[in-house]
Amino acid sequence: MHLLLTSMLHPKMSKVLTGKVVYIGDAARTLLESPGRRKHADWEHEQVEQLGFEMVDLMVATTPLEQISDVLDHADSIYMASGETFDLLNALKTSGADQLIINKVREGMPYVSSSAGSVVASPSIDPIGVMDSASLAPDLHDYTALGFIDRFIIPHAQGTGSYGPEVISETVEKYGGDYPLLLLNDGQALEVDGDGQQVI
């Protein structure tokens, strides 16, 4: 596996993404529906687009499984965007895209992500419960995620912007005793290349 799990973008993305990139934007659905909040989602999309790869946009929540499978079969790498983690995991599970993505990545397809997209690479999204709202996916009761790594990513750990230091502190206090948390500041990423892992 080759993963680059970022807090919010990273210069090495251009070295891990390759060929035709599937941009999975489900985490940003609620942002895109709000004129006041879609600026971030549009900005992130533009940043990835500017890397110069051929890009295919995919919303798994509104795409038939057969079509999701076809898109992934004709792609070379995956970018999983930031946004609302519970909504993202719900979309992945209800569409069946989660298992397709797990299979592709374990077969060697590079996976790059930011924030929520990185959190779902963990064994479970449970520790993100302070930062993101489970109410966006009221029917989601199984928080088991993609499980590419054995640690639980907490993005934006520098405690600025929407997630102040009190949110990060509460997350660590509530979940740190039960889960091996990996706190990533914006500008940091966990790179997984084969059996090796390092924060860069």
N, C-alpha and C. Protein backbone atom coordinates (compact mmCIF):
# COMPACT_ATOMS: atom_id res chain seq x y z
N MET A 1 0.84 -1.20 0.00
CA MET A 1 0.00 0.00 0.00
C MET A 1 0.87 1.24 0.00
N HIS A 2 0.38 2.27 -0.68
CA HIS A 2 1.03 3.58 -0.60
C HIS A 2 -0.04 4.62 -0.26
N LEU A 3 0.05 5.14 0.95
CA LEU A 3 -0.92 6.11 1.45
C LEU A 3 -0.21 7.40 1.82
N LEU A 4 -0.88 8.51 1.59
CA LEU A 4 -0.44 9.80 2.13
C LEU A 4 -1.66 10.41 2.81
N LEU A 5 -1.67 10.31 4.14
CA LEU A 5 -2.82 10.73 4.94
C LEU A 5 -2.49 12.09 5.55
N THR A 6 -3.04 13.14 4.98
CA THR A 6 -2.68 14.49 5.38
C THR A 6 -3.72 15.10 6.31
N SER A 7 -3.28 16.06 7.09
CA SER A 7 -4.23 16.84 7.88
C SER A 7 -4.99 17.78 6.95
N MET A 8 -4.26 18.50 6.10
CA MET A 8 -4.88 19.33 5.07
C MET A 8 -3.87 19.62 3.97
N LEU A 9 -3.87 18.74 2.96
CA LEU A 9 -2.97 18.83 1.81
C LEU A 9 -1.51 18.69 2.27
N HIS A 10 -0.60 18.46 1.31
CA HIS A 10 0.81 18.29 1.63
C HIS A 10 1.59 18.35 0.32
N PRO A 11 2.80 18.93 0.35
CA PRO A 11 3.58 19.03 -0.89
C PRO A 11 3.87 17.69 -1.56
N LYS A 12 3.91 16.59 -0.80
CA LYS A 12 4.26 15.30 -1.37
C LYS A 12 3.10 14.65 -2.14
N MET A 13 1.91 15.27 -2.11
CA MET A 13 0.77 14.70 -2.82
C MET A 13 1.09 14.44 -4.29
N SER A 14 1.84 15.35 -4.90
CA SER A 14 2.15 15.22 -6.33
C SER A 14 3.07 14.04 -6.61
N LYS A 15 3.75 13.53 -5.57
CA LYS A 15 4.64 12.39 -5.75
C LYS A 15 3.93 11.05 -5.52
N VAL A 16 2.78 11.10 -4.84
CA VAL A 16 2.06 9.85 -4.53
C VAL A 16 0.90 9.63 -5.49
N LEU A 17 0.14 10.69 -5.79
CA LEU A 17 -0.91 10.57 -6.81
C LEU A 17 -0.27 10.27 -8.15
N THR A 18 -1.01 9.58 -8.98
CA THR A 18 -0.46 9.22 -10.28
C THR A 18 -1.59 9.01 -11.29
N GLY A 19 -1.29 9.26 -12.57
CA GLY A 19 -2.23 8.96 -13.64
C GLY A 19 -3.58 9.64 -13.48
N LYS A 20 -4.64 8.84 -13.66
CA LYS A 20 -6.01 9.35 -13.52
C LYS A 20 -6.42 9.26 -12.05
N VAL A 21 -6.79 10.40 -11.47
CA VAL A 21 -7.11 10.49 -10.05
C VAL A 21 -8.63 10.54 -9.86
N VAL A 22 -9.16 9.64 -9.03
CA VAL A 22 -10.57 9.71 -8.65
C VAL A 22 -10.68 10.59 -7.41
N TYR A 23 -11.38 11.71 -7.55
CA TYR A 23 -11.57 12.66 -6.46
C TYR A 23 -12.92 12.37 -5.80
N ILE A 24 -12.87 11.75 -4.61
CA ILE A 24 -14.10 11.39 -3.91
C ILE A 24 -14.45 12.52 -2.94
N GLY A 25 -15.55 13.21 -3.24
CA GLY A 25 -15.87 14.44 -2.52
C GLY A 25 -17.03 14.34 -1.54
N ASP A 26 -17.42 13.14 -1.17
CA ASP A 26 -18.62 12.98 -0.33
C ASP A 26 -18.53 13.70 1.01
N ALA A 27 -17.35 13.78 1.59
CA ALA A 27 -17.21 14.44 2.90
C ALA A 27 -17.59 15.91 2.83
N ALA A 28 -17.50 16.49 1.63
CA ALA A 28 -17.78 17.92 1.46
C ALA A 28 -19.21 18.20 1.03
N ARG A 29 -20.06 17.19 1.00
CA ARG A 29 -21.43 17.40 0.48
C ARG A 29 -22.17 18.50 1.22
N THR A 30 -22.09 18.51 2.56
CA THR A 30 -22.82 19.53 3.32
C THR A 30 -22.21 20.91 3.10
N LEU A 31 -20.90 20.97 2.86
CA LEU A 31 -20.25 22.25 2.57
C LEU A 31 -20.73 22.79 1.23
N LEU A 32 -20.81 21.91 0.24
CA LEU A 32 -21.19 22.32 -1.10
C LEU A 32 -22.64 22.81 -1.17
N GLU A 33 -23.47 22.33 -0.22
CA GLU A 33 -24.87 22.74 -0.20
C GLU A 33 -25.08 24.11 0.43
N SER A 34 -24.03 24.65 1.05
CA SER A 34 -24.14 25.93 1.75
C SER A 34 -23.27 26.98 1.06
N PRO A 35 -23.88 28.04 0.49
CA PRO A 35 -23.08 29.07 -0.19
C PRO A 35 -22.00 29.66 0.71
N GLY A 36 -22.28 29.74 2.00
CA GLY A 36 -21.32 30.33 2.92
C GLY A 36 -20.18 29.41 3.29
N ARG A 37 -20.34 28.09 3.05
CA ARG A 37 -19.34 27.13 3.50
C ARG A 37 -18.63 26.40 2.35
N ARG A 38 -19.10 26.60 1.13
CA ARG A 38 -18.54 25.82 0.03
C ARG A 38 -17.18 26.31 -0.43
N LYS A 39 -16.76 27.49 0.07
CA LYS A 39 -15.49 28.07 -0.36
C LYS A 39 -14.33 27.10 -0.09
N HIS A 40 -14.34 26.47 1.08
CA HIS A 40 -13.26 25.54 1.43
C HIS A 40 -13.25 24.34 0.49
N ALA A 41 -14.42 23.77 0.24
CA ALA A 41 -14.51 22.59 -0.63
C ALA A 41 -14.03 22.92 -2.04
N ASP A 42 -14.43 24.08 -2.55
CA ASP A 42 -13.99 24.50 -3.89
C ASP A 42 -12.48 24.71 -3.92
N TRP A 43 -11.94 25.32 -2.85
CA TRP A 43 -10.51 25.59 -2.76
C TRP A 43 -9.72 24.28 -2.77
N GLU A 44 -10.15 23.30 -1.97
CA GLU A 44 -9.43 22.03 -1.91
C GLU A 44 -9.43 21.35 -3.27
N HIS A 45 -10.58 21.34 -3.92
CA HIS A 45 -10.70 20.73 -5.24
C HIS A 45 -9.74 21.40 -6.22
N GLU A 46 -9.67 22.72 -6.16
CA GLU A 46 -8.77 23.47 -7.05
C GLU A 46 -7.31 23.12 -6.78
N GLN A 47 -6.96 22.97 -5.50
CA GLN A 47 -5.57 22.65 -5.15
C GLN A 47 -5.15 21.30 -5.73
N VAL A 48 -6.03 20.33 -5.67
CA VAL A 48 -5.70 19.02 -6.22
C VAL A 48 -5.68 19.09 -7.74
N GLU A 49 -6.63 19.79 -8.31
CA GLU A 49 -6.70 19.93 -9.77
C GLU A 49 -5.43 20.59 -10.33
N GLN A 50 -4.90 21.55 -9.58
CA GLN A 50 -3.71 22.28 -10.03
C GLN A 50 -2.44 21.44 -10.03
N LEU A 51 -2.50 20.25 -9.44
CA LEU A 51 -1.34 19.36 -9.50
C LEU A 51 -1.13 18.82 -10.91
N GLY A 52 -2.17 18.92 -11.74
CA GLY A 52 -2.01 18.62 -13.16
C GLY A 52 -2.40 17.22 -13.60
N PHE A 53 -2.96 16.43 -12.70
CA PHE A 53 -3.39 15.09 -13.07
C PHE A 53 -4.76 15.13 -13.74
N GLU A 54 -5.05 14.12 -14.54
CA GLU A 54 -6.42 13.94 -15.03
C GLU A 54 -7.27 13.56 -13.82
N MET A 55 -8.40 14.24 -13.65
CA MET A 55 -9.18 14.04 -12.44
C MET A 55 -10.62 13.69 -12.79
N VAL A 56 -11.16 12.70 -12.09
CA VAL A 56 -12.55 12.28 -12.26
C VAL A 56 -13.25 12.50 -10.92
N ASP A 57 -14.29 13.34 -10.91
CA ASP A 57 -15.04 13.58 -9.68
C ASP A 57 -16.04 12.46 -9.45
N LEU A 58 -16.12 12.02 -8.19
CA LEU A 58 -17.03 10.92 -7.85
C LEU A 58 -17.69 11.20 -6.50
N MET A 59 -19.02 11.20 -6.49
CA MET A 59 -19.80 11.23 -5.26
C MET A 59 -20.40 9.85 -5.10
N VAL A 60 -19.87 9.06 -4.20
CA VAL A 60 -20.32 7.68 -4.10
C VAL A 60 -21.75 7.57 -3.59
N ALA A 61 -22.19 8.54 -2.79
CA ALA A 61 -23.54 8.47 -2.22
C ALA A 61 -24.63 8.51 -3.29
N THR A 62 -24.32 9.09 -4.44
CA THR A 62 -25.33 9.26 -5.49
C THR A 62 -24.96 8.51 -6.77
N THR A 63 -24.04 7.58 -6.66
CA THR A 63 -23.58 6.84 -7.84
C THR A 63 -23.82 5.34 -7.64
N PRO A 64 -24.42 4.67 -8.62
CA PRO A 64 -24.64 3.22 -8.49
C PRO A 64 -23.31 2.48 -8.30
N LEU A 65 -23.36 1.40 -7.54
CA LEU A 65 -22.16 0.66 -7.20
C LEU A 65 -21.42 0.17 -8.45
N GLU A 66 -22.17 -0.25 -9.44
CA GLU A 66 -21.55 -0.74 -10.68
C GLU A 66 -20.72 0.36 -11.34
N GLN A 67 -21.25 1.58 -11.30
CA GLN A 67 -20.54 2.71 -11.90
C GLN A 67 -19.31 3.09 -11.06
N ILE A 68 -19.45 3.04 -9.73
CA ILE A 68 -18.30 3.30 -8.86
C ILE A 68 -17.18 2.33 -9.18
N SER A 69 -17.54 1.06 -9.32
CA SER A 69 -16.56 0.02 -9.63
C SER A 69 -15.87 0.29 -10.96
N ASP A 70 -16.64 0.71 -11.95
CA ASP A 70 -16.08 1.00 -13.27
C ASP A 70 -15.12 2.18 -13.21
N VAL A 71 -15.50 3.23 -12.48
CA VAL A 71 -14.62 4.40 -12.33
C VAL A 71 -13.30 4.00 -11.68
N LEU A 72 -13.38 3.22 -10.61
CA LEU A 72 -12.17 2.79 -9.91
C LEU A 72 -11.31 1.86 -10.79
N ASP A 73 -11.96 1.04 -11.59
CA ASP A 73 -11.23 0.12 -12.48
C ASP A 73 -10.43 0.87 -13.54
N HIS A 74 -10.87 2.07 -13.87
CA HIS A 74 -10.20 2.85 -14.91
C HIS A 74 -9.40 4.02 -14.32
N ALA A 75 -9.09 3.93 -13.05
CA ALA A 75 -8.32 4.98 -12.37
C ALA A 75 -6.97 4.44 -11.94
N ASP A 76 -6.08 5.38 -11.59
CA ASP A 76 -4.74 5.01 -11.14
C ASP A 76 -4.49 5.35 -9.68
N SER A 77 -5.26 6.29 -9.14
CA SER A 77 -5.08 6.67 -7.73
C SER A 77 -6.36 7.32 -7.22
N ILE A 78 -6.42 7.46 -5.89
CA ILE A 78 -7.62 7.99 -5.22
C ILE A 78 -7.23 9.19 -4.37
N TYR A 79 -8.06 10.24 -4.43
CA TYR A 79 -7.96 11.34 -3.48
C TYR A 79 -9.29 11.42 -2.72
N MET A 80 -9.22 11.30 -1.38
CA MET A 80 -10.42 11.36 -0.54
C MET A 80 -10.43 12.71 0.16
N ALA A 81 -11.43 13.54 -0.16
CA ALA A 81 -11.45 14.93 0.29
C ALA A 81 -11.86 15.09 1.75
N SER A 82 -11.66 16.29 2.24
CA SER A 82 -11.99 16.64 3.63
C SER A 82 -13.46 17.04 3.75
N GLY A 83 -13.91 17.19 4.99
CA GLY A 83 -15.29 17.59 5.25
C GLY A 83 -15.81 16.91 6.50
N GLU A 84 -17.00 16.36 6.41
CA GLU A 84 -17.67 15.74 7.55
C GLU A 84 -17.42 14.23 7.57
N THR A 85 -16.74 13.75 8.60
CA THR A 85 -16.31 12.36 8.64
C THR A 85 -17.47 11.37 8.72
N PHE A 86 -18.46 11.65 9.55
CA PHE A 86 -19.57 10.71 9.72
C PHE A 86 -20.37 10.60 8.43
N ASP A 87 -20.60 11.72 7.76
CA ASP A 87 -21.32 11.70 6.49
C ASP A 87 -20.52 10.92 5.45
N LEU A 88 -19.20 11.10 5.45
CA LEU A 88 -18.36 10.38 4.49
C LEU A 88 -18.42 8.87 4.72
N LEU A 89 -18.22 8.44 5.96
CA LEU A 89 -18.24 7.00 6.22
C LEU A 89 -19.60 6.40 5.90
N ASN A 90 -20.66 7.13 6.21
CA ASN A 90 -22.00 6.65 5.89
C ASN A 90 -22.16 6.46 4.38
N ALA A 91 -21.66 7.42 3.60
CA ALA A 91 -21.74 7.32 2.14
C ALA A 91 -20.94 6.13 1.62
N LEU A 92 -19.77 5.93 2.18
CA LEU A 92 -18.93 4.80 1.75
C LEU A 92 -19.60 3.47 2.06
N LYS A 93 -20.18 3.35 3.25
CA LYS A 93 -20.79 2.09 3.65
C LYS A 93 -22.10 1.81 2.92
N THR A 94 -22.97 2.81 2.83
CA THR A 94 -24.29 2.57 2.21
C THR A 94 -24.18 2.33 0.71
N SER A 95 -23.17 2.90 0.08
CA SER A 95 -22.99 2.70 -1.36
C SER A 95 -22.27 1.40 -1.68
N GLY A 96 -21.54 0.88 -0.70
CA GLY A 96 -20.69 -0.29 -0.94
C GLY A 96 -19.32 0.09 -1.46
N ALA A 97 -19.06 1.38 -1.59
CA ALA A 97 -17.75 1.83 -2.10
C ALA A 97 -16.62 1.52 -1.15
N ASP A 98 -16.93 1.39 0.15
CA ASP A 98 -15.86 1.14 1.13
C ASP A 98 -15.07 -0.12 0.77
N GLN A 99 -15.76 -1.21 0.47
CA GLN A 99 -15.05 -2.46 0.18
C GLN A 99 -14.30 -2.39 -1.13
N LEU A 100 -14.88 -1.71 -2.12
CA LEU A 100 -14.18 -1.55 -3.40
C LEU A 100 -12.87 -0.78 -3.20
N ILE A 101 -12.93 0.28 -2.40
CA ILE A 101 -11.73 1.10 -2.15
C ILE A 101 -10.70 0.31 -1.35
N ILE A 102 -11.15 -0.41 -0.33
CA ILE A 102 -10.24 -1.25 0.45
C ILE A 102 -9.49 -2.21 -0.46
N ASN A 103 -10.22 -2.87 -1.35
CA ASN A 103 -9.60 -3.84 -2.25
C ASN A 103 -8.58 -3.18 -3.17
N LYS A 104 -8.95 -2.05 -3.76
CA LYS A 104 -8.06 -1.36 -4.69
C LYS A 104 -6.77 -0.90 -3.99
N VAL A 105 -6.92 -0.32 -2.82
CA VAL A 105 -5.75 0.22 -2.11
C VAL A 105 -4.85 -0.92 -1.64
N ARG A 106 -5.45 -1.99 -1.17
CA ARG A 106 -4.63 -3.12 -0.72
C ARG A 106 -3.95 -3.82 -1.89
N GLU A 107 -4.51 -3.64 -3.09
CA GLU A 107 -3.87 -4.18 -4.30
C GLU A 107 -2.77 -3.26 -4.82
N GLY A 108 -2.65 -2.05 -4.23
CA GLY A 108 -1.56 -1.17 -4.62
C GLY A 108 -1.94 0.19 -5.16
N MET A 109 -3.24 0.50 -5.29
CA MET A 109 -3.63 1.81 -5.80
C MET A 109 -3.30 2.89 -4.75
N PRO A 110 -2.54 3.93 -5.11
CA PRO A 110 -2.21 4.99 -4.15
C PRO A 110 -3.46 5.70 -3.65
N TYR A 111 -3.42 6.04 -2.35
CA TYR A 111 -4.54 6.69 -1.68
C TYR A 111 -4.00 7.93 -0.98
N VAL A 112 -4.51 9.09 -1.36
CA VAL A 112 -4.13 10.36 -0.76
C VAL A 112 -5.39 11.00 -0.20
N SER A 113 -5.26 11.66 0.95
CA SER A 113 -6.47 12.19 1.59
C SER A 113 -6.14 13.38 2.46
N SER A 114 -7.19 14.12 2.80
CA SER A 114 -7.09 15.23 3.75
C SER A 114 -8.18 15.09 4.80
N SER A 115 -7.84 15.39 6.04
CA SER A 115 -8.78 15.52 7.15
C SER A 115 -9.73 14.32 7.23
N ALA A 116 -11.01 14.50 6.96
CA ALA A 116 -11.98 13.40 7.05
C ALA A 116 -11.56 12.19 6.21
N GLY A 117 -10.99 12.46 5.04
CA GLY A 117 -10.52 11.39 4.18
C GLY A 117 -9.40 10.59 4.80
N SER A 118 -8.62 11.25 5.68
CA SER A 118 -7.55 10.56 6.40
C SER A 118 -8.09 9.83 7.62
N VAL A 119 -9.07 10.43 8.28
CA VAL A 119 -9.66 9.80 9.46
C VAL A 119 -10.26 8.45 9.10
N VAL A 120 -10.92 8.35 7.94
CA VAL A 120 -11.56 7.08 7.57
C VAL A 120 -10.56 6.00 7.18
N ALA A 121 -9.28 6.35 7.06
CA ALA A 121 -8.26 5.33 6.83
C ALA A 121 -7.92 4.57 8.10
N SER A 122 -8.37 5.09 9.24
CA SER A 122 -8.14 4.47 10.55
C SER A 122 -9.04 3.26 10.74
N PRO A 123 -8.84 2.50 11.83
CA PRO A 123 -9.72 1.35 12.08
C PRO A 123 -11.17 1.75 12.36
N SER A 124 -11.37 2.95 12.96
CA SER A 124 -12.70 3.43 13.32
C SER A 124 -12.68 4.95 13.35
N ILE A 125 -13.84 5.56 13.14
CA ILE A 125 -13.91 7.02 13.23
C ILE A 125 -14.41 7.49 14.59
N ASP A 126 -14.60 6.57 15.51
CA ASP A 126 -15.15 6.92 16.82
C ASP A 126 -14.43 8.10 17.49
N PRO A 127 -13.07 8.16 17.48
CA PRO A 127 -12.40 9.25 18.19
C PRO A 127 -12.57 10.64 17.57
N ILE A 128 -13.24 10.74 16.42
CA ILE A 128 -13.44 12.06 15.82
C ILE A 128 -14.75 12.69 16.31
N GLY A 129 -15.40 12.01 17.27
CA GLY A 129 -16.72 12.43 17.74
C GLY A 129 -16.80 13.79 18.37
N VAL A 130 -15.69 14.33 18.86
CA VAL A 130 -15.70 15.69 19.41
C VAL A 130 -15.61 16.71 18.28
N MET A 131 -14.85 16.39 17.25
CA MET A 131 -14.58 17.34 16.17
C MET A 131 -15.69 17.40 15.13
N ASP A 132 -16.29 16.26 14.81
CA ASP A 132 -17.33 16.20 13.79
C ASP A 132 -18.62 15.68 14.41
N SER A 133 -19.73 15.94 13.72
CA SER A 133 -21.04 15.63 14.29
C SER A 133 -21.63 14.34 13.73
N ALA A 134 -21.90 13.40 14.64
CA ALA A 134 -22.54 12.15 14.25
C ALA A 134 -23.97 12.37 13.79
N SER A 135 -24.56 13.52 14.14
CA SER A 135 -25.95 13.79 13.77
C SER A 135 -26.15 13.91 12.26
N LEU A 136 -25.07 14.12 11.52
CA LEU A 136 -25.17 14.20 10.06
C LEU A 136 -25.41 12.84 9.43
N ALA A 137 -25.18 11.79 10.21
CA ALA A 137 -25.43 10.43 9.70
C ALA A 137 -26.13 9.63 10.79
N PRO A 138 -27.40 9.99 11.09
CA PRO A 138 -28.09 9.36 12.21
C PRO A 138 -28.30 7.85 12.07
N ASP A 139 -28.25 7.34 10.86
CA ASP A 139 -28.45 5.91 10.65
C ASP A 139 -27.15 5.11 10.68
N LEU A 140 -26.04 5.82 10.84
CA LEU A 140 -24.74 5.15 10.90
C LEU A 140 -24.45 4.74 12.34
N HIS A 141 -24.40 3.45 12.58
CA HIS A 141 -24.15 2.94 13.94
C HIS A 141 -22.86 2.13 14.03
N ASP A 142 -22.34 1.75 12.88
CA ASP A 142 -21.08 1.01 12.83
C ASP A 142 -20.00 1.97 12.37
N TYR A 143 -19.09 2.34 13.26
CA TYR A 143 -18.06 3.33 12.96
C TYR A 143 -16.77 2.69 12.46
N THR A 144 -16.80 1.39 12.20
CA THR A 144 -15.64 0.72 11.61
C THR A 144 -15.31 1.37 10.27
N ALA A 145 -14.04 1.74 10.09
CA ALA A 145 -13.66 2.48 8.89
C ALA A 145 -12.83 1.59 7.96
N LEU A 146 -11.99 2.20 7.10
CA LEU A 146 -11.29 1.44 6.06
C LEU A 146 -10.17 0.58 6.62
N GLY A 147 -9.59 0.99 7.74
CA GLY A 147 -8.63 0.13 8.44
C GLY A 147 -7.29 -0.06 7.73
N PHE A 148 -6.82 0.96 7.02
CA PHE A 148 -5.53 0.85 6.36
C PHE A 148 -4.36 0.96 7.35
N ILE A 149 -4.59 1.62 8.46
CA ILE A 149 -3.55 1.80 9.48
C ILE A 149 -4.11 1.35 10.82
N ASP A 150 -3.23 1.22 11.82
CA ASP A 150 -3.68 0.76 13.14
C ASP A 150 -3.77 1.90 14.15
N ARG A 151 -3.51 3.13 13.70
CA ARG A 151 -3.65 4.29 14.56
C ARG A 151 -4.87 5.10 14.13
N PHE A 152 -5.23 6.07 14.96
CA PHE A 152 -6.46 6.84 14.74
C PHE A 152 -6.08 8.31 14.53
N ILE A 153 -6.24 8.76 13.30
CA ILE A 153 -5.77 10.11 12.94
C ILE A 153 -6.71 11.18 13.49
N ILE A 154 -6.11 12.18 14.12
CA ILE A 154 -6.80 13.40 14.55
C ILE A 154 -6.16 14.56 13.80
N PRO A 155 -6.86 15.13 12.80
CA PRO A 155 -6.26 16.20 12.01
C PRO A 155 -6.39 17.56 12.70
N HIS A 156 -5.72 18.55 12.14
CA HIS A 156 -5.79 19.95 12.60
C HIS A 156 -5.40 20.08 14.07
N ALA A 157 -4.41 19.26 14.47
CA ALA A 157 -4.05 19.17 15.89
C ALA A 157 -3.35 20.41 16.42
N GLN A 158 -3.01 21.35 15.52
CA GLN A 158 -2.41 22.60 15.99
C GLN A 158 -3.43 23.47 16.72
N GLY A 159 -4.71 23.13 16.57
CA GLY A 159 -5.75 23.82 17.34
C GLY A 159 -6.08 25.22 16.87
N THR A 160 -6.14 25.41 15.56
CA THR A 160 -6.53 26.72 15.02
C THR A 160 -7.74 26.54 14.12
N GLY A 161 -8.33 27.66 13.71
CA GLY A 161 -9.48 27.61 12.82
C GLY A 161 -10.71 27.10 13.54
N SER A 162 -11.45 26.22 12.86
CA SER A 162 -12.71 25.71 13.41
C SER A 162 -12.49 24.82 14.63
N TYR A 163 -11.28 24.25 14.73
CA TYR A 163 -10.99 23.31 15.82
C TYR A 163 -9.96 23.94 16.75
N GLY A 164 -10.44 24.68 17.73
CA GLY A 164 -9.55 25.35 18.67
C GLY A 164 -8.84 24.37 19.59
N PRO A 165 -7.88 24.87 20.37
CA PRO A 165 -7.12 23.98 21.26
C PRO A 165 -7.99 23.22 22.26
N GLU A 166 -9.12 23.81 22.64
CA GLU A 166 -10.00 23.12 23.58
C GLU A 166 -10.63 21.87 22.96
N VAL A 167 -10.89 21.93 21.65
CA VAL A 167 -11.46 20.76 20.95
C VAL A 167 -10.42 19.64 20.89
N ILE A 168 -9.19 19.99 20.58
CA ILE A 168 -8.12 18.99 20.52
C ILE A 168 -7.89 18.39 21.90
N SER A 169 -7.86 19.24 22.93
CA SER A 169 -7.65 18.76 24.30
C SER A 169 -8.76 17.82 24.74
N GLU A 170 -10.01 18.19 24.41
CA GLU A 170 -11.15 17.33 24.78
C GLU A 170 -11.07 15.99 24.06
N THR A 171 -10.65 16.01 22.80
CA THR A 171 -10.51 14.77 22.03
C THR A 171 -9.49 13.84 22.67
N VAL A 172 -8.34 14.40 23.03
CA VAL A 172 -7.28 13.59 23.64
C VAL A 172 -7.73 13.06 25.00
N GLU A 173 -8.39 13.92 25.77
CA GLU A 173 -8.85 13.52 27.11
C GLU A 173 -9.90 12.41 27.02
N LYS A 174 -10.81 12.54 26.05
CA LYS A 174 -11.92 11.59 25.95
C LYS A 174 -11.50 10.26 25.33
N TYR A 175 -10.59 10.31 24.34
CA TYR A 175 -10.29 9.10 23.57
C TYR A 175 -8.85 8.60 23.70
N GLY A 176 -7.95 9.44 24.20
CA GLY A 176 -6.54 9.08 24.23
C GLY A 176 -6.21 7.85 25.05
N GLY A 177 -7.00 7.57 26.08
CA GLY A 177 -6.74 6.41 26.92
C GLY A 177 -7.12 5.09 26.28
N ASP A 178 -8.04 5.14 25.33
CA ASP A 178 -8.56 3.91 24.72
C ASP A 178 -8.08 3.67 23.29
N TYR A 179 -7.58 4.71 22.63
CA TYR A 179 -7.18 4.60 21.24
C TYR A 179 -5.76 5.16 21.05
N PRO A 180 -4.95 4.52 20.20
CA PRO A 180 -3.63 5.08 19.87
C PRO A 180 -3.80 6.23 18.86
N LEU A 181 -4.01 7.42 19.37
CA LEU A 181 -4.26 8.58 18.51
C LEU A 181 -2.97 9.04 17.83
N LEU A 182 -3.11 9.51 16.61
CA LEU A 182 -2.01 10.16 15.90
C LEU A 182 -2.47 11.57 15.56
N LEU A 183 -1.93 12.56 16.28
CA LEU A 183 -2.31 13.94 16.06
C LEU A 183 -1.44 14.53 14.95
N LEU A 184 -2.10 15.05 13.90
CA LEU A 184 -1.40 15.67 12.78
C LEU A 184 -1.76 17.14 12.68
N ASN A 185 -0.75 17.99 12.63
CA ASN A 185 -0.97 19.40 12.36
C ASN A 185 -1.19 19.59 10.86
N ASP A 186 -1.85 20.68 10.48
CA ASP A 186 -1.92 21.03 9.07
C ASP A 186 -0.49 21.22 8.57
N GLY A 187 -0.22 20.67 7.39
CA GLY A 187 1.14 20.68 6.88
C GLY A 187 1.87 19.37 7.16
N GLN A 188 1.27 18.50 7.98
CA GLN A 188 1.85 17.19 8.26
C GLN A 188 1.03 16.10 7.59
N ALA A 189 1.67 14.94 7.42
CA ALA A 189 0.99 13.78 6.84
C ALA A 189 1.65 12.52 7.37
N LEU A 190 0.87 11.45 7.40
CA LEU A 190 1.42 10.12 7.65
C LEU A 190 1.57 9.45 6.30
N GLU A 191 2.80 9.10 5.95
CA GLU A 191 3.03 8.36 4.72
C GLU A 191 3.22 6.89 5.07
N VAL A 192 2.47 6.05 4.39
CA VAL A 192 2.58 4.61 4.53
C VAL A 192 3.03 4.07 3.19
N ASP A 193 4.20 3.44 3.17
CA ASP A 193 4.74 2.90 1.92
C ASP A 193 5.19 1.47 2.19
N GLY A 194 4.37 0.51 1.78
CA GLY A 194 4.64 -0.87 2.11
C GLY A 194 4.46 -1.08 3.60
N ASP A 195 5.49 -1.60 4.25
CA ASP A 195 5.42 -1.83 5.69
C ASP A 195 5.90 -0.63 6.51
N GLY A 196 6.43 0.39 5.85
CA GLY A 196 6.98 1.54 6.55
C GLY A 196 5.97 2.66 6.74
N GLN A 197 6.06 3.33 7.87
CA GLN A 197 5.20 4.48 8.17
C GLN A 197 6.06 5.59 8.76
N GLN A 198 5.80 6.82 8.30
CA GLN A 198 6.49 7.95 8.92
C GLN A 198 5.65 9.21 8.79
N VAL A 199 5.73 10.07 9.81
CA VAL A 199 5.08 11.37 9.75
C VAL A 199 6.03 12.33 9.05
N ILE A 200 5.54 13.00 8.03
CA ILE A 200 6.38 13.93 7.26
C ILE A 200 5.76 15.33 7.27
